[in-house]
PDB file of N, CA and C in Angstrom:
ATOM      1  N   MET A   1      -8.419  22.542  19.203  1.00  0.00           N
ATOM      2  CA  MET A   1      -7.414  22.966  17.983  1.00  0.00           C
ATOM      3  C   MET A   1      -7.270  24.303  18.061  1.00  0.00           C
ATOM      4  N   ASP A   2      -5.718  24.634  17.995  1.00  0.00           N
ATOM      5  CA  ASP A   2      -5.030  25.882  17.693  1.00  0.00           C
ATOM      6  C   ASP A   2      -5.032  26.321  16.312  1.00  0.00           C
ATOM      7  N   ARG A   3      -4.870  27.424  16.529  1.00  0.00           N
ATOM      8  CA  ARG A   3      -4.944  28.108  15.039  1.00  0.00           C
ATOM      9  C   ARG A   3      -3.847  27.450  14.123  1.00  0.00           C
ATOM     10  N   ASN A   4      -2.931  26.909  14.564  1.00  0.00           N
ATOM     11  CA  ASN A   4      -1.516  26.347  13.588  1.00  0.00           C
ATOM     12  C   ASN A   4      -2.460  25.229  12.763  1.00  0.00           C
ATOM     13  N   ASP A   5      -2.913  24.548  13.801  1.00  0.00           N
ATOM     14  CA  ASP A   5      -3.622  22.974  13.228  1.00  0.00           C
ATOM     15  C   ASP A   5      -4.683  23.464  12.054  1.00  0.00           C
ATOM     16  N   SER A   6      -5.938  24.384  12.624  1.00  0.00           N
ATOM     17  CA  SER A   6      -6.735  25.004  11.934  1.00  0.00           C
ATOM     18  C   SER A   6      -5.911  25.567   9.989  1.00  0.00           C
ATOM     19  N   ASP A   7      -5.044  26.194  10.520  1.00  0.00           N
ATOM     20  CA  ASP A   7      -4.428  26.567   9.157  1.00  0.00           C
ATOM     21  C   ASP A   7      -3.855  25.478   8.701  1.00  0.00           C
ATOM     22  N   ALA A   8      -3.367  24.633   8.679  1.00  0.00           N
ATOM     23  CA  ALA A   8      -2.724  23.255   8.168  1.00  0.00           C
ATOM     24  C   ALA A   8      -3.843  22.546   7.433  1.00  0.00           C
ATOM     25  N   LEU A   9      -5.148  22.574   8.201  1.00  0.00           N
ATOM     26  CA  LEU A   9      -6.420  21.673   7.525  1.00  0.00           C
ATOM     27  C   LEU A   9      -6.968  22.769   6.270  1.00  0.00           C
ATOM     28  N   ASN A  10      -6.595  23.779   6.392  1.00  0.00           N
ATOM     29  CA  ASN A  10      -7.510  24.708   5.266  1.00  0.00           C
ATOM     30  C   ASN A  10      -6.369  24.563   4.511  1.00  0.00           C
ATOM     31  N   ARG A  11      -5.408  24.180   4.126  1.00  0.00           N
ATOM     32  CA  ARG A  11      -4.201  24.012   2.997  1.00  0.00           C
ATOM     33  C   ARG A  11      -4.529  22.649   2.434  1.00  0.00           C
ATOM     34  N   LEU A  12      -5.074  21.834   3.174  1.00  0.00           N
ATOM     35  CA  LEU A  12      -5.061  20.462   2.779  1.00  0.00           C
ATOM     36  C   LEU A  12      -6.071  20.282   1.394  1.00  0.00           C
ATOM     37  N   THR A  13      -5.414  19.409   0.367  1.00  0.00           N
ATOM     38  CA  THR A  13      -6.386  19.193  -0.677  1.00  0.00           C
ATOM     39  C   THR A  13      -7.254  18.239  -0.612  1.00  0.00           C
ATOM     40  N   GLU A  14      -8.477  18.158  -1.173  1.00  0.00           N
ATOM     41  CA  GLU A  14      -9.120  17.180  -0.807  1.00  0.00           C
ATOM     42  C   GLU A  14      -8.904  15.929  -1.030  1.00  0.00           C
ATOM     43  N   LYS A  15      -7.846  15.353  -1.804  1.00  0.00           N
ATOM     44  CA  LYS A  15      -6.788  14.354  -1.821  1.00  0.00           C
ATOM     45  C   LYS A  15      -6.187  13.930  -0.682  1.00  0.00           C
ATOM     46  N   GLU A  16      -5.641  14.934  -0.218  1.00  0.00           N
ATOM     47  CA  GLU A  16      -4.974  14.241   1.126  1.00  0.00           C
ATOM     48  C   GLU A  16      -5.769  14.250   2.354  1.00  0.00           C
ATOM     49  N   ALA A  17      -6.851  15.029   2.140  1.00  0.00           N
ATOM     50  CA  ALA A  17      -7.946  15.021   3.567  1.00  0.00           C
ATOM     51  C   ALA A  17      -8.614  13.559   3.139  1.00  0.00           C
ATOM     52  N   GLN A  18      -8.595  12.856   2.367  1.00  0.00           N
ATOM     53  CA  GLN A  18      -9.141  11.598   2.174  1.00  0.00           C
ATOM     54  C   GLN A  18      -8.215  10.519   2.154  1.00  0.00           C
ATOM     55  N   THR A  19      -6.712  10.552   2.242  1.00  0.00           N
ATOM     56  CA  THR A  19      -6.056  10.089   2.348  1.00  0.00           C
ATOM     57  C   THR A  19      -5.667   9.678   3.971  1.00  0.00           C
ATOM     58  N   ALA A  20      -5.811  10.989   4.874  1.00  0.00           N
ATOM     59  CA  ALA A  20      -5.930  11.287   6.095  1.00  0.00           C
ATOM     60  C   ALA A  20      -6.900  10.557   6.699  1.00  0.00           C
ATOM     61  N   LEU A  21      -8.148  10.677   6.204  1.00  0.00           N
ATOM     62  CA  LEU A  21      -9.644  10.128   6.861  1.00  0.00           C
ATOM     63  C   LEU A  21      -9.284   8.254   6.595  1.00  0.00           C
ATOM     64  N   SER A  22      -8.941   8.116   5.665  1.00  0.00           N
ATOM     65  CA  SER A  22      -8.403   6.550   5.274  1.00  0.00           C
ATOM     66  C   SER A  22      -7.593   6.012   6.106  1.00  0.00           C
ATOM     67  N   GLN A  23      -6.581   7.166   6.369  1.00  0.00           N
ATOM     68  CA  GLN A  23      -5.559   6.305   7.371  1.00  0.00           C
ATOM     69  C   GLN A  23      -6.280   6.099   8.847  1.00  0.00           C
ATOM     70  N   MET A  24      -7.130   7.323   9.327  1.00  0.00           N
ATOM     71  CA  MET A  24      -7.508   7.326  10.407  1.00  0.00           C
ATOM     72  C   MET A  24      -8.819   5.920  10.774  1.00  0.00           C
ATOM     73  N   GLU A  25      -9.414   5.773   9.381  1.00  0.00           N
ATOM     74  CA  GLU A  25     -10.340   4.769   9.718  1.00  0.00           C
ATOM     75  C   GLU A  25      -9.237   3.495   9.809  1.00  0.00           C
ATOM     76  N   ASN A  26      -8.319   3.068   9.003  1.00  0.00           N
ATOM     77  CA  ASN A  26      -7.807   1.973   9.472  1.00  0.00           C
ATOM     78  C   ASN A  26      -7.177   1.742  10.368  1.00  0.00           C
ATOM     79  N   THR A  27      -6.664   2.750  11.375  1.00  0.00           N
ATOM     80  CA  THR A  27      -5.897   2.946  12.333  1.00  0.00           C
ATOM     81  C   THR A  27      -6.817   2.574  13.418  1.00  0.00           C
ATOM     82  N   GLU A  28      -8.549   2.961  13.248  1.00  0.00           N
ATOM     83  CA  GLU A  28      -9.239   2.874  14.165  1.00  0.00           C
ATOM     84  C   GLU A  28      -9.767   1.232  13.782  1.00  0.00           C
ATOM     85  N   ASP A  29      -9.818   1.032  13.029  1.00  0.00           N
ATOM     86  CA  ASP A  29     -10.134  -0.754  12.428  1.00  0.00           C
ATOM     87  C   ASP A  29      -9.062  -1.181  13.571  1.00  0.00           C
ATOM     88  N   GLU A  30      -7.932  -1.117  13.534  1.00  0.00           N
ATOM     89  CA  GLU A  30      -6.710  -2.006  14.068  1.00  0.00           C
ATOM     90  C   GLU A  30      -6.663  -1.818  15.583  1.00  0.00           C
ATOM     91  N   LEU A  31      -7.176  -0.767  15.934  1.00  0.00           N
ATOM     92  CA  LEU A  31      -7.034  -0.702  17.793  1.00  0.00           C
ATOM     93  C   LEU A  31      -8.583  -1.297  18.213  1.00  0.00           C
ATOM     94  N   HIS A  32      -9.400  -1.271  16.891  1.00  0.00           N
ATOM     95  CA  HIS A  32     -10.665  -2.066  17.495  1.00  0.00           C
ATOM     96  C   HIS A  32     -10.160  -3.902  17.769  1.00  0.00           C
ATOM     97  N   LYS A  33      -9.407  -3.998  16.464  1.00  0.00           N
ATOM     98  CA  LYS A  33      -9.296  -5.476  16.685  1.00  0.00           C
ATOM     99  C   LYS A  33      -8.422  -5.834  17.685  1.00  0.00           C
ATOM    100  N   LEU A  34      -7.419  -4.932  18.031  1.00  0.00           N
ATOM    101  CA  LEU A  34      -6.176  -5.282  19.080  1.00  0.00           C
ATOM    102  C   LEU A  34      -7.218  -5.336  20.381  1.00  0.00           C
ATOM    103  N   ARG A  35      -8.212  -4.370  20.776  1.00  0.00           N
ATOM    104  CA  ARG A  35      -8.979  -4.324  21.897  1.00  0.00           C
ATOM    105  C   ARG A  35      -9.793  -5.632  21.662  1.00  0.00           C
ATOM    106  N   LYS A  36     -10.249  -6.555  20.840  1.00  0.00           N
ATOM    107  CA  LYS A  36     -11.177  -7.231  20.948  1.00  0.00           C
ATOM    108  C   LYS A  36     -10.208  -8.647  21.286  1.00  0.00           C
ATOM    109  N   LYS A  37      -9.217  -8.788  20.739  1.00  0.00           N
ATOM    110  CA  LYS A  37      -7.819  -9.790  20.975  1.00  0.00           C
ATOM    111  C   LYS A  37      -7.414  -9.784  22.423  1.00  0.00           C
ATOM    112  N   PHE A  38      -7.473  -8.517  22.800  1.00  0.00           N
ATOM    113  CA  PHE A  38      -6.811  -8.435  24.493  1.00  0.00           C
ATOM    114  C   PHE A  38      -7.760  -8.883  25.437  1.00  0.00           C
ATOM    115  N   LEU A  39      -8.964  -8.399  25.181  1.00  0.00           N
ATOM    116  CA  LEU A  39     -10.158  -9.034  25.671  1.00  0.00           C
ATOM    117  C   LEU A  39     -10.298 -10.810  25.595  1.00  0.00           C
ATOM    118  N   ALA A  40     -10.353 -11.243  24.549  1.00  0.00           N
ATOM    119  CA  ALA A  40     -10.147 -12.709  24.385  1.00  0.00           C
ATOM    120  C   ALA A  40      -9.317 -13.145  24.908  1.00  0.00           C
ATOM    121  N   ASP A  41      -8.093 -12.777  25.076  1.00  0.00           N
ATOM    122  CA  ASP A  41      -6.899 -13.246  25.717  1.00  0.00           C
ATOM    123  C   ASP A  41      -7.047 -12.964  27.538  1.00  0.00           C
ATOM    124  N   ILE A  42      -7.727 -11.898  27.710  1.00  0.00           N
ATOM    125  CA  ILE A  42      -7.724 -11.880  29.285  1.00  0.00           C
ATOM    126  C   ILE A  42      -8.591 -12.625  29.816  1.00  0.00           C
ATOM    127  N   LYS A  43      -9.604 -13.060  28.882  1.00  0.00           N
ATOM    128  CA  LYS A  43     -10.596 -13.599  29.554  1.00  0.00           C
ATOM    129  C   LYS A  43     -10.286 -14.721  29.934  1.00  0.00           C
ATOM    130  N   ASN A  44      -8.941 -15.504  29.325  1.00  0.00           N
ATOM    131  CA  ASN A  44      -8.227 -17.021  29.992  1.00  0.00           C
ATOM    132  C   ASN A  44      -7.733 -16.519  31.213  1.00  0.00           C
ATOM    133  N   VAL A  45      -7.563 -15.459  31.425  1.00  0.00           N
ATOM    134  CA  VAL A  45      -6.812 -15.469  32.808  1.00  0.00           C
ATOM    135  C   VAL A  45      -7.335 -14.541  33.932  1.00  0.00           C
ATOM    136  N   LEU A  46      -8.564 -13.854  34.078  1.00  0.00           N
ATOM    137  CA  LEU A  46      -8.855 -13.206  34.667  1.00  0.00           C
ATOM    138  C   LEU A  46     -10.777 -13.454  34.715  1.00  0.00           C
ATOM    139  N   PRO A  47     -11.557 -13.685  35.901  1.00  0.00           N
ATOM    140  CA  PRO A  47     -12.929 -13.546  35.668  1.00  0.00           C
ATOM    141  C   PRO A  47     -13.696 -12.399  34.810  1.00  0.00           C
ATOM    142  N   SER A  48     -14.792 -12.694  34.288  1.00  0.00           N
ATOM    143  CA  SER A  48     -15.483 -11.313  33.495  1.00  0.00           C
ATOM    144  C   SER A  48     -15.839 -10.196  34.352  1.00  0.00           C
ATOM    145  N   VAL A  49     -15.886 -10.486  35.746  1.00  0.00           N
ATOM    146  CA  VAL A  49     -16.308  -9.359  36.815  1.00  0.00           C
ATOM    147  C   VAL A  49     -15.005  -8.844  37.185  1.00  0.00           C
ATOM    148  N   LYS A  50     -13.870  -9.203  37.254  1.00  0.00           N
ATOM    149  CA  LYS A  50     -12.919  -8.504  37.351  1.00  0.00           C
ATOM    150  C   LYS A  50     -12.367  -7.635  36.127  1.00  0.00           C
ATOM    151  N   ILE A  51     -12.485  -8.036  35.151  1.00  0.00           N
ATOM    152  CA  ILE A  51     -12.349  -7.324  34.259  1.00  0.00           C
ATOM    153  C   ILE A  51     -13.213  -6.694  33.770  1.00  0.00           C
ATOM    154  N   LEU A  52     -14.526  -6.495  34.042  1.00  0.00           N
ATOM    155  CA  LEU A  52     -15.506  -5.108  33.858  1.00  0.00           C
ATOM    156  C   LEU A  52     -14.778  -4.199  35.298  1.00  0.00           C
ATOM    157  N   LYS A  53     -14.495  -4.682  36.341  1.00  0.00           N
ATOM    158  CA  LYS A  53     -13.953  -3.836  37.393  1.00  0.00           C
ATOM    159  C   LYS A  53     -12.555  -2.982  36.994  1.00  0.00           C
ATOM    160  N   LEU A  54     -11.653  -4.156  36.214  1.00  0.00           N
ATOM    161  CA  LEU A  54     -10.888  -3.241  35.736  1.00  0.00           C
ATOM    162  C   LEU A  54     -11.111  -2.064  34.331  1.00  0.00           C
ATOM    163  N   LYS A  55     -12.113  -2.362  33.778  1.00  0.00           N
ATOM    164  CA  LYS A  55     -12.357  -1.492  32.662  1.00  0.00           C
ATOM    165  C   LYS A  55     -12.918  -0.016  33.496  1.00  0.00           C
ATOM    166  N   ARG A  56     -13.764  -0.437  34.538  1.00  0.00           N
ATOM    167  CA  ARG A  56     -14.199   0.933  35.425  1.00  0.00           C
ATOM    168  C   ARG A  56     -13.167   1.603  35.976  1.00  0.00           C
ATOM    169  N   ALA A  57     -12.084   0.721  36.562  1.00  0.00           N
ATOM    170  CA  ALA A  57     -11.114   1.535  37.113  1.00  0.00           C
ATOM    171  C   ALA A  57     -10.239   2.346  36.265  1.00  0.00           C
ATOM    172  N   GLU A  58      -9.883   1.755  34.906  1.00  0.00           N
ATOM    173  CA  GLU A  58      -9.430   2.595  33.769  1.00  0.00           C
ATOM    174  C   GLU A  58     -10.269   4.186  33.291  1.00  0.00           C
ATOM    175  N   GLU A  59     -11.232   3.808  33.291  1.00  0.00           N
ATOM    176  CA  GLU A  59     -12.344   4.942  32.923  1.00  0.00           C
ATOM    177  C   GLU A  59     -11.959   5.989  33.948  1.00  0.00           C
ATOM    178  N   ALA A  60     -12.423   5.743  35.304  1.00  0.00           N
ATOM    179  CA  ALA A  60     -11.993   6.764  36.594  1.00  0.00           C
ATOM    180  C   ALA A  60     -10.618   7.135  36.476  1.00  0.00           C
ATOM    181  N   PHE A  61      -9.813   6.626  36.302  1.00  0.00           N
ATOM    182  CA  PHE A  61      -8.506   7.260  36.291  1.00  0.00           C
ATOM    183  C   PHE A  61      -8.384   8.198  35.293  1.00  0.00           C
ATOM    184  N   ASN A  62      -8.741   8.097  33.838  1.00  0.00           N
ATOM    185  CA  ASN A  62      -8.658   8.682  33.110  1.00  0.00           C
ATOM    186  C   ASN A  62      -9.288   9.785  32.866  1.00  0.00           C
ATOM    187  N   ARG A  63     -10.638   9.707  33.700  1.00  0.00           N
ATOM    188  CA  ARG A  63     -11.584  11.194  34.183  1.00  0.00           C
ATOM    189  C   ARG A  63     -10.729  11.912  34.936  1.00  0.00           C
ATOM    190  N   LYS A  64     -10.259  11.179  35.821  1.00  0.00           N
ATOM    191  CA  LYS A  64      -9.467  12.162  36.910  1.00  0.00           C
ATOM    192  C   LYS A  64      -8.425  12.673  36.743  1.00  0.00           C
ATOM    193  N   LEU A  65      -7.406  12.196  35.588  1.00  0.00           N
ATOM    194  CA  LEU A  65      -6.659  12.520  34.994  1.00  0.00           C
ATOM    195  C   LEU A  65      -6.907  13.832  34.098  1.00  0.00           C
ATOM    196  N   ILE A  66      -7.793  13.558  33.287  1.00  0.00           N
ATOM    197  CA  ILE A  66      -8.220  14.649  32.883  1.00  0.00           C
ATOM    198  C   ILE A  66      -8.982  15.994  33.605  1.00  0.00           C
ATOM    199  N   GLU A  67      -9.025  15.794  34.393  1.00  0.00           N
ATOM    200  CA  GLU A  67     -10.085  16.832  35.484  1.00  0.00           C
ATOM    201  C   GLU A  67      -8.477  17.585  36.027  1.00  0.00           C
ATOM    202  N   ARG A  68      -7.439  16.735  36.361  1.00  0.00           N
ATOM    203  CA  ARG A  68      -6.283  17.437  36.884  1.00  0.00           C
ATOM    204  C   ARG A  68      -5.542  18.136  35.755  1.00  0.00           C
ATOM    205  N   LEU A  69      -5.342  17.931  34.460  1.00  0.00           N
ATOM    206  CA  LEU A  69      -4.842  18.601  33.475  1.00  0.00           C
ATOM    207  C   LEU A  69      -5.686  20.028  33.492  1.00  0.00           C
ATOM    208  N   ARG A  70      -7.069  19.477  33.362  1.00  0.00           N
ATOM    209  CA  ARG A  70      -7.723  20.822  33.267  1.00  0.00           C
ATOM    210  C   ARG A  70      -7.521  21.709  34.264  1.00  0.00           C
ATOM    211  N   GLU A  71      -7.372  21.265  35.501  1.00  0.00           N
ATOM    212  CA  GLU A  71      -6.894  22.185  36.562  1.00  0.00           C
ATOM    213  C   GLU A  71      -5.636  23.081  36.436  1.00  0.00           C
ATOM    214  N   ARG A  72      -4.761  22.378  36.168  1.00  0.00           N
ATOM    215  CA  ARG A  72      -3.815  23.173  35.789  1.00  0.00           C
ATOM    216  C   ARG A  72      -3.412  23.702  34.692  1.00  0.00           C
ATOM    217  N   ARG A  73      -4.120  23.739  33.761  1.00  0.00           N
ATOM    218  CA  ARG A  73      -4.277  24.925  32.466  1.00  0.00           C
ATOM    219  C   ARG A  73      -5.017  26.139  33.106  1.00  0.00           C
ATOM    220  N   GLY A  74      -6.131  25.662  34.200  1.00  0.00           N
ATOM    221  CA  GLY A  74      -6.871  27.060  34.454  1.00  0.00           C
ATOM    222  C   GLY A  74      -5.846  27.846  35.389  1.00  0.00           C
ATOM    223  N   LYS A  75      -4.966  26.909  36.233  1.00  0.00           N
ATOM    224  CA  LYS A  75      -4.123  28.096  37.127  1.00  0.00           C
ATOM    225  C   LYS A  75      -3.260  28.688  36.666  1.00  0.00           C
ATOM    226  N   LYS A  76      -2.530  28.453  34.888  1.00  0.00           N
ATOM    227  CA  LYS A  76      -1.617  29.457  34.219  1.00  0.00           C
ATOM    228  C   LYS A  76      -2.184  30.322  33.696  1.00  0.00           C
TER     229      LYS A  76
END
């Protein structure tokens, strides 16, 4: 979080913070529902072993992507 983000958070009222947290919770709930639906739908197309392999590949890809971003930031 940079200084501008921190300053913006310091200016929030309690009511605004509660609203923001509520929106975050709603978004997380919706994302969870969508992930469950996706998993249920994909089970009709792929065997469970392949679904697990896909999940593992996605996680490895994301880790590698983050590593590369960190390397780029370090070089600048």
